[in-house]
Amino acid sequence: MNTQLILSGPTKDFESIKKLSLEGYEYWEARELMPLLGYDKWENFKKIIEKAKEACLMSNQLIEDHFPGVRKMVSLGSESIRKIEDYRLSRYACYLIAQNGDPRKSEIATAQTYFAIQTRKQEIFEQLSYQQKRLLIREDVRKQNKKLFSTARKAGVSNFGRFNNYGYLGLYGLSVKEIKEKKKIGSNDILDRAGATELAANLFRITQTDDKIVKNNIIGEQPANEIHFIVGRKVRDVISDIGGTMPEELVPEEHIRQLKDKERKLLKEKKKV
């Protein structure tokens, strides 16, 4: 099943500012979303957020789940900083904001289409079987890993095996070789034998490392390796804090290649019916 949205034009901006929480939930920061929807004043955009909150309440959803408020520090220049109000918006919250925005703005029309499609995409994903979800997450991990390696290369990384190992050391507390030995997966790629939960933890490690290298303007192979380790360890700490199973303790599953073969056979059988 193809649930991929082909992004072009302004919709790429919505995707580029999407973030992941430490728990693995995606969100958008309201102040980053604001200009993409054609608003330049927080006071005006806040009114749209309040309307969206009302719509959320009317749909029997908890506002706190979709519009958690946050305070963050911003620099005002001259070494002075102050706290400002912001929100971590769920995909559904963004959808409601777009629906309640000024319809005369072309940016709102674009956002309505984007978040409607993406919300439907999420609904479809939630209806998938466990194995179908695993296939989709594995493909997402592959794409994000490719992006991370490109970012690492620009930062000066040349030994990608070592760079990769640092990330695994942080997340698993073990080297790649030790992980494979513990899980008894031979020469198989760790991620090809990982279940959905393990893949999700690695996806967070990968995307956050990429973001950290870019935002911190990391230059040099060793600094990049260290960032990869630190991010991996942070993800491990979160898993520990919420009482989750450590990734090295998760049981390996059948190879992703075998799973793909099974899905192809099922698809062929369905077409014959």
Foldseek 3Di string as FASTA:
>chain_A
DDLDDDDDDLLVQVVVQWDADLVGAIWHKQVSCQVLLPHDDPVVLVVLLVQLLVVCVVVVHDSCVAWPKDWDWDDPPPPDIDIDIITTGHLSSQLSSLVSDDPVGPSSVVSNVSSVSVVVSVVVLVPDDQLVVLLVLLVLLVVLLVVLVVLLVVQPADPVQLLVQLLCCQQQVDGQVVLCVLQVVPPDDPSQFAGPVLSSLSSNLSNVLSVCCVVVVHHDRVVSSNSSNVSNNSSNVVCVVVVHDRSSPDHTHPGNVVSVVVVVVVVVVVVVD
